[in-house]
Amino acid sequence: LFGADFARVTAAAIGLSLTAAVSSYLLTGPRVAYAMARDGAFPGYAGRLHPTRGTPAAATLTQAAVAVGLVWSGTFEDLLNFTTVGLAALTGLTVA
């Protein structure tokens, strides 16, 4: 609609937005699993911190393993549908 130059700028903006979203999920996801493990709502191994860095390393590795499994499990559309339904459900529960 607006030409090739606008398409490149829009693609760059979308790429930057996706990079920011992935970065925030990488930082918050393991900490949520860590807090849930400390409260007893997630397996206990995720509630351990790295001895020198103080970061939830076990929860981070668990999140990475699940992410790799999801990426290998199907197509991009399947993954998008799976995560969209989950995020919508969790958002609804949060609002409720």
PDB file of N, CA and C in Angstrom:
ATOM      1  N   LEU A   1       0.822  -1.193   0.000  1.00  0.00           N
ATOM      2  CA  LEU A   1       0.000   0.000   0.000  1.00  0.00           C
ATOM      3  C   LEU A   1       0.866   1.257   0.000  1.00  0.00           C
ATOM      4  N   PHE A   2       1.965   1.275   0.770  1.00  0.00           N
ATOM      5  CA  PHE A   2       2.791   2.471   0.882  1.00  0.00           C
ATOM      6  C   PHE A   2       4.149   2.336   0.205  1.00  0.00           C
ATOM      7  N   GLY A   3       4.428   1.202  -0.405  1.00  0.00           N
ATOM      8  CA  GLY A   3       5.668   1.036  -1.137  1.00  0.00           C
ATOM      9  C   GLY A   3       6.701   0.201  -0.404  1.00  0.00           C
ATOM     10  N   ALA A   4       7.804  -0.066  -1.112  1.00  0.00           N
ATOM     11  CA  ALA A   4       8.857  -0.948  -0.597  1.00  0.00           C
ATOM     12  C   ALA A   4       9.609  -0.333   0.576  1.00  0.00           C
ATOM     13  N   ASP A   5       9.828   0.976   0.553  1.00  0.00           N
ATOM     14  CA  ASP A   5      10.551   1.614   1.665  1.00  0.00           C
ATOM     15  C   ASP A   5       9.782   1.496   2.971  1.00  0.00           C
ATOM     16  N   PHE A   6       8.470   1.716   2.908  1.00  0.00           N
ATOM     17  CA  PHE A   6       7.647   1.589   4.107  1.00  0.00           C
ATOM     18  C   PHE A   6       7.610   0.140   4.587  1.00  0.00           C
ATOM     19  N   ALA A   7       7.603  -0.801   3.650  1.00  0.00           N
ATOM     20  CA  ALA A   7       7.600  -2.217   4.012  1.00  0.00           C
ATOM     21  C   ALA A   7       8.876  -2.589   4.761  1.00  0.00           C
ATOM     22  N   ARG A   8      10.020  -2.066   4.348  1.00  0.00           N
ATOM     23  CA  ARG A   8      11.278  -2.355   5.048  1.00  0.00           C
ATOM     24  C   ARG A   8      11.279  -1.763   6.456  1.00  0.00           C
ATOM     25  N   VAL A   9      10.786  -0.551   6.584  1.00  0.00           N
ATOM     26  CA  VAL A   9      10.726   0.080   7.905  1.00  0.00           C
ATOM     27  C   VAL A   9       9.775  -0.700   8.815  1.00  0.00           C
ATOM     28  N   THR A  10       8.648  -1.116   8.285  1.00  0.00           N
ATOM     29  CA  THR A  10       7.678  -1.880   9.071  1.00  0.00           C
ATOM     30  C   THR A  10       8.252  -3.233   9.480  1.00  0.00           C
ATOM     31  N   ALA A  11       8.940  -3.903   8.564  1.00  0.00           N
ATOM     32  CA  ALA A  11       9.555  -5.189   8.890  1.00  0.00           C
ATOM     33  C   ALA A  11      10.606  -5.025   9.977  1.00  0.00           C
ATOM     34  N   ALA A  12      11.401  -3.965   9.912  1.00  0.00           N
ATOM     35  CA  ALA A  12      12.406  -3.720  10.952  1.00  0.00           C
ATOM     36  C   ALA A  12      11.741  -3.452  12.298  1.00  0.00           C
ATOM     37  N   ALA A  13      10.658  -2.688  12.295  1.00  0.00           N
ATOM     38  CA  ALA A  13       9.947  -2.398  13.545  1.00  0.00           C
ATOM     39  C   ALA A  13       9.353  -3.660  14.148  1.00  0.00           C
ATOM     40  N   ILE A  14       8.792  -4.525  13.321  1.00  0.00           N
ATOM     41  CA  ILE A  14       8.226  -5.783  13.810  1.00  0.00           C
ATOM     42  C   ILE A  14       9.333  -6.675  14.361  1.00  0.00           C
ATOM     43  N   GLY A  15      10.466  -6.752  13.656  1.00  0.00           N
ATOM     44  CA  GLY A  15      11.595  -7.545  14.145  1.00  0.00           C
ATOM     45  C   GLY A  15      12.108  -7.051  15.485  1.00  0.00           C
ATOM     46  N   LEU A  16      12.212  -5.740  15.649  1.00  0.00           N
ATOM     47  CA  LEU A  16      12.659  -5.169  16.922  1.00  0.00           C
ATOM     48  C   LEU A  16      11.656  -5.470  18.033  1.00  0.00           C
ATOM     49  N   SER A  17      10.376  -5.374  17.712  1.00  0.00           N
ATOM     50  CA  SER A  17       9.332  -5.673  18.689  1.00  0.00           C
ATOM     51  C   SER A  17       9.382  -7.139  19.128  1.00  0.00           C
ATOM     52  N   LEU A  18       9.574  -8.045  18.176  1.00  0.00           N
ATOM     53  CA  LEU A  18       9.665  -9.467  18.516  1.00  0.00           C
ATOM     54  C   LEU A  18      10.903  -9.759  19.359  1.00  0.00           C
ATOM     55  N   THR A  19      12.017  -9.100  19.043  1.00  0.00           N
ATOM     56  CA  THR A  19      13.234  -9.284  19.835  1.00  0.00           C
ATOM     57  C   THR A  19      13.019  -8.822  21.276  1.00  0.00           C
ATOM     58  N   ALA A  20      12.350  -7.698  21.450  1.00  0.00           N
ATOM     59  CA  ALA A  20      12.063  -7.192  22.798  1.00  0.00           C
ATOM     60  C   ALA A  20      11.140  -8.140  23.556  1.00  0.00           C
ATOM     61  N   ALA A  21      10.143  -8.693  22.864  1.00  0.00           N
ATOM     62  CA  ALA A  21       9.219  -9.613  23.518  1.00  0.00           C
ATOM     63  C   ALA A  21       9.930 -10.889  23.951  1.00  0.00           C
ATOM     64  N   VAL A  22      10.770 -11.453  23.091  1.00  0.00           N
ATOM     65  CA  VAL A  22      11.514 -12.663  23.445  1.00  0.00           C
ATOM     66  C   VAL A  22      12.439 -12.385  24.625  1.00  0.00           C
ATOM     67  N   SER A  23      13.077 -11.241  24.625  1.00  0.00           N
ATOM     68  CA  SER A  23      13.970 -10.878  25.727  1.00  0.00           C
ATOM     69  C   SER A  23      13.209 -10.805  27.047  1.00  0.00           C
ATOM     70  N   SER A  24      12.035 -10.195  27.027  1.00  0.00           N
ATOM     71  CA  SER A  24      11.270 -10.091  28.269  1.00  0.00           C
ATOM     72  C   SER A  24      10.779 -11.452  28.746  1.00  0.00           C
ATOM     73  N   TYR A  25      10.384 -12.322  27.812  1.00  0.00           N
ATOM     74  CA  TYR A  25       9.949 -13.660  28.209  1.00  0.00           C
ATOM     75  C   TYR A  25      11.106 -14.485  28.766  1.00  0.00           C
ATOM     76  N   LEU A  26      12.297 -14.310  28.208  1.00  0.00           N
ATOM     77  CA  LEU A  26      13.467 -15.037  28.715  1.00  0.00           C
ATOM     78  C   LEU A  26      13.840 -14.596  30.123  1.00  0.00           C
ATOM     79  N   LEU A  27      13.583 -13.344  30.444  1.00  0.00           N
ATOM     80  CA  LEU A  27      13.909 -12.851  31.784  1.00  0.00           C
ATOM     81  C   LEU A  27      12.830 -13.185  32.813  1.00  0.00           C
ATOM     82  N   THR A  28      11.568 -13.101  32.416  1.00  0.00           N
ATOM     83  CA  THR A  28      10.495 -13.287  33.396  1.00  0.00           C
ATOM     84  C   THR A  28      10.035 -14.730  33.544  1.00  0.00           C
ATOM     85  N   GLY A  29      10.056 -15.507  32.464  1.00  0.00           N
ATOM     86  CA  GLY A  29       9.544 -16.876  32.510  1.00  0.00           C
ATOM     87  C   GLY A  29      10.183 -17.747  33.569  1.00  0.00           C
ATOM     88  N   PRO A  30      11.514 -17.841  33.606  1.00  0.00           N
ATOM     89  CA  PRO A  30      12.142 -18.667  34.631  1.00  0.00           C
ATOM     90  C   PRO A  30      11.901 -18.161  36.055  1.00  0.00           C
ATOM     91  N   ARG A  31      11.753 -16.873  36.221  1.00  0.00           N
ATOM     92  CA  ARG A  31      11.508 -16.334  37.556  1.00  0.00           C
ATOM     93  C   ARG A  31      10.101 -16.661  38.043  1.00  0.00           C
ATOM     94  N   VAL A  32       9.155 -16.734  37.119  1.00  0.00           N
ATOM     95  CA  VAL A  32       7.802 -17.163  37.477  1.00  0.00           C
ATOM     96  C   VAL A  32       7.820 -18.632  37.889  1.00  0.00           C
ATOM     97  N   ALA A  33       8.516 -19.470  37.119  1.00  0.00           N
ATOM     98  CA  ALA A  33       8.624 -20.892  37.477  1.00  0.00           C
ATOM     99  C   ALA A  33       9.341 -21.049  38.812  1.00  0.00           C
ATOM    100  N   TYR A  34      10.370 -20.253  39.058  1.00  0.00           N
ATOM    101  CA  TYR A  34      11.087 -20.286  40.336  1.00  0.00           C
ATOM    102  C   TYR A  34      10.144 -19.949  41.493  1.00  0.00           C
ATOM    103  N   ALA A  35       9.370 -18.877  41.342  1.00  0.00           N
ATOM    104  CA  ALA A  35       8.443 -18.475  42.408  1.00  0.00           C
ATOM    105  C   ALA A  35       7.365 -19.536  42.621  1.00  0.00           C
ATOM    106  N   MET A  36       6.874 -20.133  41.538  1.00  0.00           N
ATOM    107  CA  MET A  36       5.873 -21.188  41.674  1.00  0.00           C
ATOM    108  C   MET A  36       6.459 -22.406  42.382  1.00  0.00           C
ATOM    109  N   ALA A  37       7.722 -22.742  42.065  1.00  0.00           N
ATOM    110  CA  ALA A  37       8.363 -23.879  42.734  1.00  0.00           C
ATOM    111  C   ALA A  37       8.551 -23.588  44.216  1.00  0.00           C
ATOM    112  N   ARG A  38       8.899 -22.365  44.551  1.00  0.00           N
ATOM    113  CA  ARG A  38       9.062 -22.003  45.967  1.00  0.00           C
ATOM    114  C   ARG A  38       7.737 -22.085  46.726  1.00  0.00           C
ATOM    115  N   ASP A  39       6.619 -21.851  46.009  1.00  0.00           N
ATOM    116  CA  ASP A  39       5.296 -21.934  46.621  1.00  0.00           C
ATOM    117  C   ASP A  39       4.708 -23.334  46.569  1.00  0.00           C
ATOM    118  N   GLY A  40       5.398 -24.272  45.908  1.00  0.00           N
ATOM    119  CA  GLY A  40       4.935 -25.649  45.822  1.00  0.00           C
ATOM    120  C   GLY A  40       3.992 -25.927  44.667  1.00  0.00           C
ATOM    121  N   ALA A  41       3.855 -24.998  43.713  1.00  0.00           N
ATOM    122  CA  ALA A  41       2.945 -25.183  42.589  1.00  0.00           C
ATOM    123  C   ALA A  41       3.664 -25.644  41.321  1.00  0.00           C
ATOM    124  N   PHE A  42       4.962 -25.915  41.423  1.00  0.00           N
ATOM    125  CA  PHE A  42       5.779 -26.339  40.286  1.00  0.00           C
ATOM    126  C   PHE A  42       6.814 -27.303  40.851  1.00  0.00           C
ATOM    127  N   PRO A  43       7.378 -28.198  40.059  1.00  0.00           N
ATOM    128  CA  PRO A  43       8.370 -29.132  40.599  1.00  0.00           C
ATOM    129  C   PRO A  43       9.499 -28.414  41.345  1.00  0.00           C
ATOM    130  N   GLY A  44       9.900 -28.984  42.448  1.00  0.00           N
ATOM    131  CA  GLY A  44      10.850 -28.344  43.359  1.00  0.00           C
ATOM    132  C   GLY A  44      12.212 -28.016  42.789  1.00  0.00           C
ATOM    133  N   TYR A  45      12.682 -28.783  41.782  1.00  0.00           N
ATOM    134  CA  TYR A  45      14.016 -28.516  41.244  1.00  0.00           C
ATOM    135  C   TYR A  45      14.101 -27.111  40.637  1.00  0.00           C
ATOM    136  N   ALA A  46      12.986 -26.558  40.171  1.00  0.00           N
ATOM    137  CA  ALA A  46      12.998 -25.223  39.564  1.00  0.00           C
ATOM    138  C   ALA A  46      13.135 -24.130  40.612  1.00  0.00           C
ATOM    139  N   GLY A  47      13.022 -24.488  41.875  1.00  0.00           N
ATOM    140  CA  GLY A  47      13.133 -23.511  42.943  1.00  0.00           C
ATOM    141  C   GLY A  47      14.549 -23.322  43.454  1.00  0.00           C
ATOM    142  N   ARG A  48      15.529 -23.899  42.768  1.00  0.00           N
ATOM    143  CA  ARG A  48      16.929 -23.742  43.182  1.00  0.00           C
ATOM    144  C   ARG A  48      17.580 -22.628  42.385  1.00  0.00           C
ATOM    145  N   LEU A  49      18.465 -21.896  43.060  1.00  0.00           N
ATOM    146  CA  LEU A  49      19.224 -20.836  42.407  1.00  0.00           C
ATOM    147  C   LEU A  49      20.636 -21.308  42.108  1.00  0.00           C
ATOM    148  N   HIS A  50      21.247 -20.726  41.093  1.00  0.00           N
ATOM    149  CA  HIS A  50      22.641 -21.013  40.773  1.00  0.00           C
ATOM    150  C   HIS A  50      23.493 -20.574  41.956  1.00  0.00           C
ATOM    151  N   PRO A  51      24.453 -21.387  42.399  1.00  0.00           N
ATOM    152  CA  PRO A  51      25.196 -21.076  43.624  1.00  0.00           C
ATOM    153  C   PRO A  51      26.014 -19.779  43.561  1.00  0.00           C
ATOM    154  N   THR A  52      26.536 -19.410  42.419  1.00  0.00           N
ATOM    155  CA  THR A  52      27.363 -18.189  42.373  1.00  0.00           C
ATOM    156  C   THR A  52      26.648 -17.005  41.744  1.00  0.00           C
ATOM    157  N   ARG A  53      25.753 -17.256  40.810  1.00  0.00           N
ATOM    158  CA  ARG A  53      25.092 -16.145  40.116  1.00  0.00           C
ATOM    159  C   ARG A  53      23.768 -15.738  40.751  1.00  0.00           C
ATOM    160  N   GLY A  54      23.153 -16.634  41.495  1.00  0.00           N
ATOM    161  CA  GLY A  54      21.879 -16.327  42.132  1.00  0.00           C
ATOM    162  C   GLY A  54      20.718 -16.253  41.154  1.00  0.00           C
ATOM    163  N   THR A  55      20.834 -16.919  40.029  1.00  0.00           N
ATOM    164  CA  THR A  55      19.762 -16.923  39.031  1.00  0.00           C
ATOM    165  C   THR A  55      19.075 -18.290  39.004  1.00  0.00           C
ATOM    166  N   PRO A  56      17.818 -18.333  38.571  1.00  0.00           N
ATOM    167  CA  PRO A  56      17.101 -19.612  38.510  1.00  0.00           C
ATOM    168  C   PRO A  56      17.542 -20.442  37.302  1.00  0.00           C
ATOM    169  N   ALA A  57      18.721 -21.033  37.376  1.00  0.00           N
ATOM    170  CA  ALA A  57      19.299 -21.756  36.239  1.00  0.00           C
ATOM    171  C   ALA A  57      18.479 -22.987  35.865  1.00  0.00           C
ATOM    172  N   ALA A  58      17.995 -23.734  36.834  1.00  0.00           N
ATOM    173  CA  ALA A  58      17.213 -24.941  36.532  1.00  0.00           C
ATOM    174  C   ALA A  58      15.902 -24.571  35.834  1.00  0.00           C
ATOM    175  N   ALA A  59      15.264 -23.514  36.282  1.00  0.00           N
ATOM    176  CA  ALA A  59      14.026 -23.075  35.643  1.00  0.00           C
ATOM    177  C   ALA A  59      14.303 -22.557  34.233  1.00  0.00           C
ATOM    178  N   THR A  60      15.435 -21.897  34.034  1.00  0.00           N
ATOM    179  CA  THR A  60      15.795 -21.399  32.706  1.00  0.00           C
ATOM    180  C   THR A  60      16.043 -22.560  31.754  1.00  0.00           C
ATOM    181  N   LEU A  61      16.753 -23.584  32.208  1.00  0.00           N
ATOM    182  CA  LEU A  61      16.994 -24.756  31.365  1.00  0.00           C
ATOM    183  C   LEU A  61      15.696 -25.495  31.052  1.00  0.00           C
ATOM    184  N   THR A  62      14.788 -25.549  32.005  1.00  0.00           N
ATOM    185  CA  THR A  62      13.492 -26.177  31.773  1.00  0.00           C
ATOM    186  C   THR A  62      12.710 -25.408  30.716  1.00  0.00           C
ATOM    187  N   GLN A  63      12.706 -24.090  30.823  1.00  0.00           N
ATOM    188  CA  GLN A  63      12.013 -23.272  29.830  1.00  0.00           C
ATOM    189  C   GLN A  63      12.637 -23.457  28.448  1.00  0.00           C
ATOM    190  N   ALA A  64      13.950 -23.513  28.385  1.00  0.00           N
ATOM    191  CA  ALA A  64      14.635 -23.715  27.102  1.00  0.00           C
ATOM    192  C   ALA A  64      14.279 -25.073  26.497  1.00  0.00           C
ATOM    193  N   ALA A  65      14.232 -26.109  27.321  1.00  0.00           N
ATOM    194  CA  ALA A  65      13.898 -27.447  26.825  1.00  0.00           C
ATOM    195  C   ALA A  65      12.468 -27.496  26.296  1.00  0.00           C
ATOM    196  N   VAL A  66      11.543 -26.872  27.003  1.00  0.00           N
ATOM    197  CA  VAL A  66      10.154 -26.839  26.544  1.00  0.00           C
ATOM    198  C   VAL A  66      10.052 -26.053  25.236  1.00  0.00           C
ATOM    199  N   ALA A  67      10.759 -24.929  25.144  1.00  0.00           N
ATOM    200  CA  ALA A  67      10.718 -24.118  23.925  1.00  0.00           C
ATOM    201  C   ALA A  67      11.277 -24.886  22.730  1.00  0.00           C
ATOM    202  N   VAL A  68      12.389 -25.582  22.917  1.00  0.00           N
ATOM    203  CA  VAL A  68      12.969 -26.373  21.826  1.00  0.00           C
ATOM    204  C   VAL A  68      12.007 -27.487  21.425  1.00  0.00           C
ATOM    205  N   GLY A  69      11.404 -28.127  22.397  1.00  0.00           N
ATOM    206  CA  GLY A  69      10.425 -29.171  22.086  1.00  0.00           C
ATOM    207  C   GLY A  69       9.238 -28.640  21.299  1.00  0.00           C
ATOM    208  N   LEU A  70       8.755 -27.463  21.653  1.00  0.00           N
ATOM    209  CA  LEU A  70       7.641 -26.874  20.920  1.00  0.00           C
ATOM    210  C   LEU A  70       8.040 -26.491  19.499  1.00  0.00           C
ATOM    211  N   VAL A  71       9.239 -25.953  19.334  1.00  0.00           N
ATOM    212  CA  VAL A  71       9.698 -25.564  17.997  1.00  0.00           C
ATOM    213  C   VAL A  71       9.830 -26.788  17.104  1.00  0.00           C
ATOM    214  N   TRP A  72      10.318 -27.888  17.633  1.00  0.00           N
ATOM    215  CA  TRP A  72      10.495 -29.105  16.846  1.00  0.00           C
ATOM    216  C   TRP A  72       9.205 -29.885  16.636  1.00  0.00           C
ATOM    217  N   SER A  73       8.165 -29.569  17.386  1.00  0.00           N
ATOM    218  CA  SER A  73       6.971 -30.402  17.377  1.00  0.00           C
ATOM    219  C   SER A  73       6.028 -30.175  16.194  1.00  0.00           C
ATOM    220  N   GLY A  74       6.106 -29.043  15.533  1.00  0.00           N
ATOM    221  CA  GLY A  74       5.155 -28.813  14.450  1.00  0.00           C
ATOM    222  C   GLY A  74       5.501 -27.591  13.634  1.00  0.00           C
ATOM    223  N   THR A  75       4.501 -27.113  12.935  1.00  0.00           N
ATOM    224  CA  THR A  75       4.695 -25.959  12.070  1.00  0.00           C
ATOM    225  C   THR A  75       4.599 -24.666  12.861  1.00  0.00           C
ATOM    226  N   PHE A  76       4.976 -23.575  12.213  1.00  0.00           N
ATOM    227  CA  PHE A  76       4.879 -22.266  12.857  1.00  0.00           C
ATOM    228  C   PHE A  76       3.432 -21.940  13.191  1.00  0.00           C
ATOM    229  N   GLU A  77       2.507 -22.298  12.300  1.00  0.00           N
ATOM    230  CA  GLU A  77       1.093 -22.028  12.542  1.00  0.00           C
ATOM    231  C   GLU A  77       0.585 -22.803  13.760  1.00  0.00           C
ATOM    232  N   ASP A  78       1.003 -24.066  13.891  1.00  0.00           N
ATOM    233  CA  ASP A  78       0.618 -24.853  15.065  1.00  0.00           C
ATOM    234  C   ASP A  78       1.138 -24.211  16.344  1.00  0.00           C
ATOM    235  N   LEU A  79       2.381 -23.790  16.311  1.00  0.00           N
ATOM    236  CA  LEU A  79       2.986 -23.155  17.482  1.00  0.00           C
ATOM    237  C   LEU A  79       2.281 -21.850  17.822  1.00  0.00           C
ATOM    238  N   LEU A  80       1.961 -21.069  16.812  1.00  0.00           N
ATOM    239  CA  LEU A  80       1.255 -19.806  17.028  1.00  0.00           C
ATOM    240  C   LEU A  80      -0.122 -20.053  17.628  1.00  0.00           C
ATOM    241  N   ASN A  81      -0.848 -21.025  17.100  1.00  0.00           N
ATOM    242  CA  ASN A  81      -2.171 -21.354  17.648  1.00  0.00           C
ATOM    243  C   ASN A  81      -2.060 -21.835  19.089  1.00  0.00           C
ATOM    244  N   PHE A  82      -1.080 -22.683  19.366  1.00  0.00           N
ATOM    245  CA  PHE A  82      -0.895 -23.219  20.706  1.00  0.00           C
ATOM    246  C   PHE A  82      -0.608 -22.106  21.714  1.00  0.00           C
ATOM    247  N   THR A  83       0.311 -21.223  21.372  1.00  0.00           N
ATOM    248  CA  THR A  83       0.682 -20.171  22.318  1.00  0.00           C
ATOM    249  C   THR A  83      -0.402 -19.115  22.437  1.00  0.00           C
ATOM    250  N   THR A  84      -1.112 -18.837  21.352  1.00  0.00           N
ATOM    251  CA  THR A  84      -2.177 -17.837  21.406  1.00  0.00           C
ATOM    252  C   THR A  84      -3.292 -18.290  22.339  1.00  0.00           C
ATOM    253  N   VAL A  85      -3.688 -19.534  22.234  1.00  0.00           N
ATOM    254  CA  VAL A  85      -4.742 -20.050  23.106  1.00  0.00           C
ATOM    255  C   VAL A  85      -4.291 -20.016  24.566  1.00  0.00           C
ATOM    256  N   GLY A  86      -3.055 -20.420  24.823  1.00  0.00           N
ATOM    257  CA  GLY A  86      -2.540 -20.393  26.185  1.00  0.00           C
ATOM    258  C   GLY A  86      -2.446 -18.986  26.754  1.00  0.00           C
ATOM    259  N   LEU A  87      -1.921 -18.060  25.969  1.00  0.00           N
ATOM    260  CA  LEU A  87      -1.815 -16.682  26.456  1.00  0.00           C
ATOM    261  C   LEU A  87      -3.179 -16.052  26.679  1.00  0.00           C
ATOM    262  N   ALA A  88      -4.138 -16.329  25.806  1.00  0.00           N
ATOM    263  CA  ALA A  88      -5.477 -15.794  25.980  1.00  0.00           C
ATOM    264  C   ALA A  88      -6.136 -16.361  27.239  1.00  0.00           C
ATOM    265  N   ALA A  89      -5.952 -17.655  27.463  1.00  0.00           N
ATOM    266  CA  ALA A  89      -6.536 -18.279  28.654  1.00  0.00           C
ATOM    267  C   ALA A  89      -5.916 -17.716  29.932  1.00  0.00           C
ATOM    268  N   LEU A  90      -4.601 -17.580  29.952  1.00  0.00           N
ATOM    269  CA  LEU A  90      -3.941 -17.048  31.146  1.00  0.00           C
ATOM    270  C   LEU A  90      -4.289 -15.586  31.378  1.00  0.00           C
ATOM    271  N   THR A  91      -4.419 -14.819  30.301  1.00  0.00           N
ATOM    272  CA  THR A  91      -4.833 -13.423  30.449  1.00  0.00           C
ATOM    273  C   THR A  91      -6.239 -13.333  31.025  1.00  0.00           C
ATOM    274  N   GLY A  92      -7.129 -14.185  30.522  1.00  0.00           N
ATOM    275  CA  GLY A  92      -8.481 -14.207  31.060  1.00  0.00           C
ATOM    276  C   GLY A  92      -8.522 -14.579  32.533  1.00  0.00           C
ATOM    277  N   LEU A  93      -7.704 -15.556  32.922  1.00  0.00           N
ATOM    278  CA  LEU A  93      -7.633 -15.945  34.341  1.00  0.00           C
ATOM    279  C   LEU A  93      -7.068 -14.820  35.184  1.00  0.00           C
ATOM    280  N   THR A  94      -6.098 -14.103  34.658  1.00  0.00           N
ATOM    281  CA  THR A  94      -5.532 -12.979  35.399  1.00  0.00           C
ATOM    282  C   THR A  94      -6.572 -11.894  35.617  1.00  0.00           C
ATOM    283  N   VAL A  95      -7.323 -11.577  34.608  1.00  0.00           N
ATOM    284  CA  VAL A  95      -8.367 -10.548  34.733  1.00  0.00           C
ATOM    285  C   VAL A  95      -9.450 -11.009  35.693  1.00  0.00           C
ATOM    286  N   ALA A  96      -9.812 -12.297  35.609  1.00  0.00           N
ATOM    287  CA  ALA A  96     -10.857 -12.819  36.499  1.00  0.00           C
ATOM    288  C   ALA A  96     -10.381 -12.781  37.924  1.00  0.00           C
TER     289      ALA A  96
END
